[in-house]
Amino acid sequence: MQHILKLSQEASRQVNQLYTIVTFDLAVAKKAYALVLQNLDTYGNVIVRVGSFNPLCAYMAALGKVM
């Protein structure tokens, strides 16, 4: 996880982007959130997003219960 975040930060630096935005599935995003929050001095410019797959599955499950 740390390696992926560092590679992403380096790619952002190369294109002069202030923030590094990474997208993971829910399980990996939870670990990434924890890592970023524990190391704000290193990963303070990293924005972790949850990909669209998990919210879509949750929506479909809720829709299935309604019907």
PDB file of N, CA and C in Angstrom:
ATOM      1  N   MET A   1       0.815  -1.181   0.000  1.00  0.00           N
ATOM      2  CA  MET A   1       0.000   0.000   0.000  1.00  0.00           C
ATOM      3  C   MET A   1       0.865   1.254   0.000  1.00  0.00           C
ATOM      4  N   GLN A   2       1.892   1.272   0.855  1.00  0.00           N
ATOM      5  CA  GLN A   2       2.768   2.438   0.912  1.00  0.00           C
ATOM      6  C   GLN A   2       3.463   2.660  -0.426  1.00  0.00           C
ATOM      7  N   HIS A   3       3.853   1.570  -1.064  1.00  0.00           N
ATOM      8  CA  HIS A   3       4.533   1.673  -2.359  1.00  0.00           C
ATOM      9  C   HIS A   3       3.604   2.296  -3.404  1.00  0.00           C
ATOM     10  N   ILE A   4       2.364   1.874  -3.433  1.00  0.00           N
ATOM     11  CA  ILE A   4       1.396   2.420  -4.390  1.00  0.00           C
ATOM     12  C   ILE A   4       1.173   3.906  -4.140  1.00  0.00           C
ATOM     13  N   LEU A   5       1.034   4.291  -2.877  1.00  0.00           N
ATOM     14  CA  LEU A   5       0.815   5.702  -2.563  1.00  0.00           C
ATOM     15  C   LEU A   5       2.021   6.545  -2.937  1.00  0.00           C
ATOM     16  N   LYS A   6       3.217   6.042  -2.680  1.00  0.00           N
ATOM     17  CA  LYS A   6       4.431   6.788  -3.042  1.00  0.00           C
ATOM     18  C   LYS A   6       4.576   6.917  -4.556  1.00  0.00           C
ATOM     19  N   LEU A   7       4.271   5.842  -5.296  1.00  0.00           N
ATOM     20  CA  LEU A   7       4.317   5.920  -6.759  1.00  0.00           C
ATOM     21  C   LEU A   7       3.305   6.930  -7.278  1.00  0.00           C
ATOM     22  N   SER A   8       2.129   6.943  -6.689  1.00  0.00           N
ATOM     23  CA  SER A   8       1.091   7.888  -7.102  1.00  0.00           C
ATOM     24  C   SER A   8       1.513   9.324  -6.803  1.00  0.00           C
ATOM     25  N   GLN A   9       2.124   9.541  -5.642  1.00  0.00           N
ATOM     26  CA  GLN A   9       2.612  10.874  -5.307  1.00  0.00           C
ATOM     27  C   GLN A   9       3.690  11.327  -6.292  1.00  0.00           C
ATOM     28  N   GLU A  10       4.579  10.428  -6.655  1.00  0.00           N
ATOM     29  CA  GLU A  10       5.633  10.763  -7.612  1.00  0.00           C
ATOM     30  C   GLU A  10       5.040  11.120  -8.972  1.00  0.00           C
ATOM     31  N   ALA A  11       4.044  10.372  -9.416  1.00  0.00           N
ATOM     32  CA  ALA A  11       3.388  10.674 -10.694  1.00  0.00           C
ATOM     33  C   ALA A  11       2.718  12.047 -10.630  1.00  0.00           C
ATOM     34  N   SER A  12       2.106  12.374  -9.505  1.00  0.00           N
ATOM     35  CA  SER A  12       1.485  13.691  -9.346  1.00  0.00           C
ATOM     36  C   SER A  12       2.528  14.801  -9.369  1.00  0.00           C
ATOM     37  N   ARG A  13       3.663  14.560  -8.740  1.00  0.00           N
ATOM     38  CA  ARG A  13       4.743  15.538  -8.728  1.00  0.00           C
ATOM     39  C   ARG A  13       5.262  15.807 -10.145  1.00  0.00           C
ATOM     40  N   GLN A  14       5.354  14.754 -10.943  1.00  0.00           N
ATOM     41  CA  GLN A  14       5.885  14.896 -12.302  1.00  0.00           C
ATOM     42  C   GLN A  14       5.006  15.776 -13.179  1.00  0.00           C
ATOM     43  N   VAL A  15       3.723  15.825 -12.897  1.00  0.00           N
ATOM     44  CA  VAL A  15       2.812  16.666 -13.689  1.00  0.00           C
ATOM     45  C   VAL A  15       2.400  17.928 -12.919  1.00  0.00           C
ATOM     46  N   ASN A  16       3.153  18.253 -11.875  1.00  0.00           N
ATOM     47  CA  ASN A  16       2.924  19.461 -11.073  1.00  0.00           C
ATOM     48  C   ASN A  16       1.507  19.541 -10.509  1.00  0.00           C
ATOM     49  N   GLN A  17       1.026  18.424 -10.028  1.00  0.00           N
ATOM     50  CA  GLN A  17      -0.302  18.355  -9.423  1.00  0.00           C
ATOM     51  C   GLN A  17      -0.139  18.419  -7.908  1.00  0.00           C
ATOM     52  N   LEU A  18      -0.877  19.306  -7.254  1.00  0.00           N
ATOM     53  CA  LEU A  18      -0.725  19.491  -5.801  1.00  0.00           C
ATOM     54  C   LEU A  18      -1.199  18.293  -5.002  1.00  0.00           C
ATOM     55  N   TYR A  19      -2.302  17.703  -5.429  1.00  0.00           N
ATOM     56  CA  TYR A  19      -2.890  16.598  -4.677  1.00  0.00           C
ATOM     57  C   TYR A  19      -2.800  15.309  -5.476  1.00  0.00           C
ATOM     58  N   THR A  20      -2.702  14.205  -4.759  1.00  0.00           N
ATOM     59  CA  THR A  20      -2.684  12.874  -5.365  1.00  0.00           C
ATOM     60  C   THR A  20      -4.026  12.221  -5.074  1.00  0.00           C
ATOM     61  N   ILE A  21      -4.746  11.883  -6.123  1.00  0.00           N
ATOM     62  CA  ILE A  21      -6.062  11.268  -5.971  1.00  0.00           C
ATOM     63  C   ILE A  21      -5.958   9.808  -6.390  1.00  0.00           C
ATOM     64  N   VAL A  22      -6.279   8.910  -5.474  1.00  0.00           N
ATOM     65  CA  VAL A  22      -6.230   7.477  -5.760  1.00  0.00           C
ATOM     66  C   VAL A  22      -7.605   6.872  -5.508  1.00  0.00           C
ATOM     67  N   THR A  23      -7.953   5.882  -6.308  1.00  0.00           N
ATOM     68  CA  THR A  23      -9.242   5.217  -6.188  1.00  0.00           C
ATOM     69  C   THR A  23      -9.019   3.734  -5.949  1.00  0.00           C
ATOM     70  N   PHE A  24      -9.640   3.213  -4.915  1.00  0.00           N
ATOM     71  CA  PHE A  24      -9.521   1.803  -4.565  1.00  0.00           C
ATOM     72  C   PHE A  24     -10.906   1.219  -4.326  1.00  0.00           C
ATOM     73  N   ASP A  25     -10.973  -0.109  -4.281  1.00  0.00           N
ATOM     74  CA  ASP A  25     -12.221  -0.734  -3.849  1.00  0.00           C
ATOM     75  C   ASP A  25     -12.333  -0.545  -2.338  1.00  0.00           C
ATOM     76  N   LEU A  26     -13.468  -0.899  -1.781  1.00  0.00           N
ATOM     77  CA  LEU A  26     -13.755  -0.577  -0.383  1.00  0.00           C
ATOM     78  C   LEU A  26     -12.739  -1.165   0.592  1.00  0.00           C
ATOM     79  N   ALA A  27     -12.380  -2.418   0.422  1.00  0.00           N
ATOM     80  CA  ALA A  27     -11.464  -3.076   1.366  1.00  0.00           C
ATOM     81  C   ALA A  27     -10.096  -2.397   1.377  1.00  0.00           C
ATOM     82  N   VAL A  28      -9.572  -2.081   0.219  1.00  0.00           N
ATOM     83  CA  VAL A  28      -8.250  -1.447   0.134  1.00  0.00           C
ATOM     84  C   VAL A  28      -8.343   0.008   0.561  1.00  0.00           C
ATOM     85  N   ALA A  29      -9.441   0.673   0.239  1.00  0.00           N
ATOM     86  CA  ALA A  29      -9.602   2.077   0.618  1.00  0.00           C
ATOM     87  C   ALA A  29      -9.600   2.237   2.139  1.00  0.00           C
ATOM     88  N   LYS A  30     -10.198   1.299   2.854  1.00  0.00           N
ATOM     89  CA  LYS A  30     -10.193   1.363   4.321  1.00  0.00           C
ATOM     90  C   LYS A  30      -8.769   1.317   4.856  1.00  0.00           C
ATOM     91  N   LYS A  31      -7.947   0.465   4.275  1.00  0.00           N
ATOM     92  CA  LYS A  31      -6.543   0.379   4.695  1.00  0.00           C
ATOM     93  C   LYS A  31      -5.782   1.639   4.303  1.00  0.00           C
ATOM     94  N   ALA A  32      -6.084   2.166   3.130  1.00  0.00           N
ATOM     95  CA  ALA A  32      -5.408   3.380   2.671  1.00  0.00           C
ATOM     96  C   ALA A  32      -5.782   4.566   3.552  1.00  0.00           C
ATOM     97  N   TYR A  33      -7.072   4.688   3.925  1.00  0.00           N
ATOM     98  CA  TYR A  33      -7.499   5.764   4.821  1.00  0.00           C
ATOM     99  C   TYR A  33      -6.705   5.704   6.125  1.00  0.00           C
ATOM    100  N   ALA A  34      -6.596   4.516   6.688  1.00  0.00           N
ATOM    101  CA  ALA A  34      -5.871   4.359   7.953  1.00  0.00           C
ATOM    102  C   ALA A  34      -4.415   4.764   7.802  1.00  0.00           C
ATOM    103  N   LEU A  35      -3.799   4.339   6.715  1.00  0.00           N
ATOM    104  CA  LEU A  35      -2.393   4.657   6.478  1.00  0.00           C
ATOM    105  C   LEU A  35      -2.189   6.158   6.292  1.00  0.00           C
ATOM    106  N   VAL A  36      -3.067   6.789   5.533  1.00  0.00           N
ATOM    107  CA  VAL A  36      -2.956   8.229   5.298  1.00  0.00           C
ATOM    108  C   VAL A  36      -3.146   8.993   6.606  1.00  0.00           C
ATOM    109  N   LEU A  37      -4.139   8.608   7.391  1.00  0.00           N
ATOM    110  CA  LEU A  37      -4.397   9.322   8.644  1.00  0.00           C
ATOM    111  C   LEU A  37      -3.293   9.124   9.676  1.00  0.00           C
ATOM    112  N   GLN A  38      -2.618   7.995   9.649  1.00  0.00           N
ATOM    113  CA  GLN A  38      -1.519   7.741  10.585  1.00  0.00           C
ATOM    114  C   GLN A  38      -0.241   8.464  10.165  1.00  0.00           C
ATOM    115  N   ASN A  39      -0.138   8.819   8.887  1.00  0.00           N
ATOM    116  CA  ASN A  39       1.082   9.441   8.366  1.00  0.00           C
ATOM    117  C   ASN A  39       0.747  10.706   7.579  1.00  0.00           C
ATOM    118  N   LEU A  40       0.085  11.646   8.225  1.00  0.00           N
ATOM    119  CA  LEU A  40      -0.332  12.869   7.537  1.00  0.00           C
ATOM    120  C   LEU A  40       0.843  13.700   7.048  1.00  0.00           C
ATOM    121  N   ASP A  41       1.974  13.613   7.726  1.00  0.00           N
ATOM    122  CA  ASP A  41       3.136  14.372   7.268  1.00  0.00           C
ATOM    123  C   ASP A  41       3.638  13.859   5.918  1.00  0.00           C
ATOM    124  N   THR A  42       3.509  12.560   5.668  1.00  0.00           N
ATOM    125  CA  THR A  42       3.947  11.960   4.405  1.00  0.00           C
ATOM    126  C   THR A  42       2.850  11.962   3.358  1.00  0.00           C
ATOM    127  N   TYR A  43       1.628  11.626   3.764  1.00  0.00           N
ATOM    128  CA  TYR A  43       0.524  11.460   2.817  1.00  0.00           C
ATOM    129  C   TYR A  43      -0.555  12.530   2.971  1.00  0.00           C
ATOM    130  N   GLY A  44      -0.203  13.690   3.454  1.00  0.00           N
ATOM    131  CA  GLY A  44      -1.177  14.750   3.678  1.00  0.00           C
ATOM    132  C   GLY A  44      -1.845  15.266   2.416  1.00  0.00           C
ATOM    133  N   ASN A  45      -1.201  15.080   1.273  1.00  0.00           N
ATOM    134  CA  ASN A  45      -1.769  15.567   0.011  1.00  0.00           C
ATOM    135  C   ASN A  45      -2.468  14.454  -0.773  1.00  0.00           C
ATOM    136  N   VAL A  46      -2.690  13.290  -0.144  1.00  0.00           N
ATOM    137  CA  VAL A  46      -3.324  12.156  -0.820  1.00  0.00           C
ATOM    138  C   VAL A  46      -4.823  12.152  -0.516  1.00  0.00           C
ATOM    139  N   ILE A  47      -5.615  12.045  -1.570  1.00  0.00           N
ATOM    140  CA  ILE A  47      -7.065  11.934  -1.441  1.00  0.00           C
ATOM    141  C   ILE A  47      -7.452  10.522  -1.862  1.00  0.00           C
ATOM    142  N   VAL A  48      -8.039   9.774  -0.946  1.00  0.00           N
ATOM    143  CA  VAL A  48      -8.440   8.392  -1.216  1.00  0.00           C
ATOM    144  C   VAL A  48      -9.929   8.372  -1.541  1.00  0.00           C
ATOM    145  N   ARG A  49     -10.274   7.746  -2.650  1.00  0.00           N
ATOM    146  CA  ARG A  49     -11.668   7.619  -3.068  1.00  0.00           C
ATOM    147  C   ARG A  49     -12.057   6.152  -3.127  1.00  0.00           C
ATOM    148  N   VAL A  50     -13.321   5.882  -2.852  1.00  0.00           N
ATOM    149  CA  VAL A  50     -13.851   4.529  -3.020  1.00  0.00           C
ATOM    150  C   VAL A  50     -14.391   4.450  -4.441  1.00  0.00           C
ATOM    151  N   GLY A  51     -14.022   3.402  -5.151  1.00  0.00           N
ATOM    152  CA  GLY A  51     -14.486   3.227  -6.518  1.00  0.00           C
ATOM    153  C   GLY A  51     -15.996   3.070  -6.587  1.00  0.00           C
ATOM    154  N   SER A  52     -16.524   3.094  -7.779  1.00  0.00           N
ATOM    155  CA  SER A  52     -17.975   3.086  -7.949  1.00  0.00           C
ATOM    156  C   SER A  52     -18.599   1.699  -7.771  1.00  0.00           C
ATOM    157  N   PHE A  53     -17.793   0.641  -7.769  1.00  0.00           N
ATOM    158  CA  PHE A  53     -18.344  -0.704  -7.693  1.00  0.00           C
ATOM    159  C   PHE A  53     -19.106  -0.957  -6.386  1.00  0.00           C
ATOM    160  N   ASN A  54     -18.500  -0.628  -5.250  1.00  0.00           N
ATOM    161  CA  ASN A  54     -19.133  -0.904  -3.960  1.00  0.00           C
ATOM    162  C   ASN A  54     -20.400  -0.087  -3.732  1.00  0.00           C
ATOM    163  N   PRO A  55     -20.410   1.220  -3.999  1.00  0.00           N
ATOM    164  CA  PRO A  55     -21.674   1.948  -3.854  1.00  0.00           C
ATOM    165  C   PRO A  55     -22.759   1.431  -4.807  1.00  0.00           C
ATOM    166  N   LEU A  56     -22.382   1.029  -6.000  1.00  0.00           N
ATOM    167  CA  LEU A  56     -23.354   0.486  -6.940  1.00  0.00           C
ATOM    168  C   LEU A  56     -23.948  -0.816  -6.416  1.00  0.00           C
ATOM    169  N   CYS A  57     -23.113  -1.678  -5.854  1.00  0.00           N
ATOM    170  CA  CYS A  57     -23.614  -2.934  -5.279  1.00  0.00           C
ATOM    171  C   CYS A  57     -24.558  -2.657  -4.112  1.00  0.00           C
ATOM    172  N   ALA A  58     -24.213  -1.693  -3.269  1.00  0.00           N
ATOM    173  CA  ALA A  58     -25.070  -1.338  -2.138  1.00  0.00           C
ATOM    174  C   ALA A  58     -26.413  -0.796  -2.644  1.00  0.00           C
ATOM    175  N   TYR A  59     -26.370   0.006  -3.684  1.00  0.00           N
ATOM    176  CA  TYR A  59     -27.604   0.541  -4.275  1.00  0.00           C
ATOM    177  C   TYR A  59     -28.475  -0.581  -4.820  1.00  0.00           C
ATOM    178  N   MET A  60     -27.861  -1.505  -5.550  1.00  0.00           N
ATOM    179  CA  MET A  60     -28.623  -2.610  -6.127  1.00  0.00           C
ATOM    180  C   MET A  60     -29.220  -3.498  -5.036  1.00  0.00           C
ATOM    181  N   ALA A  61     -28.468  -3.694  -3.949  1.00  0.00           N
ATOM    182  CA  ALA A  61     -28.992  -4.515  -2.843  1.00  0.00           C
ATOM    183  C   ALA A  61     -30.181  -3.823  -2.188  1.00  0.00           C
ATOM    184  N   ALA A  62     -30.070  -2.509  -1.998  1.00  0.00           N
ATOM    185  CA  ALA A  62     -31.184  -1.770  -1.402  1.00  0.00           C
ATOM    186  C   ALA A  62     -32.391  -1.777  -2.326  1.00  0.00           C
ATOM    187  N   LEU A  63     -32.148  -1.635  -3.612  1.00  0.00           N
ATOM    188  CA  LEU A  63     -33.233  -1.655  -4.583  1.00  0.00           C
ATOM    189  C   LEU A  63     -33.913  -3.024  -4.597  1.00  0.00           C
ATOM    190  N   GLY A  64     -33.116  -4.092  -4.471  1.00  0.00           N
ATOM    191  CA  GLY A  64     -33.667  -5.445  -4.436  1.00  0.00           C
ATOM    192  C   GLY A  64     -34.538  -5.683  -3.219  1.00  0.00           C
ATOM    193  N   LYS A  65     -34.195  -5.078  -2.085  1.00  0.00           N
ATOM    194  CA  LYS A  65     -34.996  -5.246  -0.868  1.00  0.00           C
ATOM    195  C   LYS A  65     -36.310  -4.486  -0.970  1.00  0.00           C
ATOM    196  N   VAL A  66     -36.296  -3.382  -1.678  1.00  0.00           N
ATOM    197  CA  VAL A  66     -37.512  -2.569  -1.821  1.00  0.00           C
ATOM    198  C   VAL A  66     -38.509  -3.305  -2.709  1.00  0.00           C
ATOM    199  N   MET A  67     -38.027  -3.951  -3.740  1.00  0.00           N
ATOM    200  CA  MET A  67     -38.920  -4.636  -4.681  1.00  0.00           C
ATOM    201  C   MET A  67     -39.303  -5.936  -4.069  1.00  0.00           C
TER     202      MET A  67
END
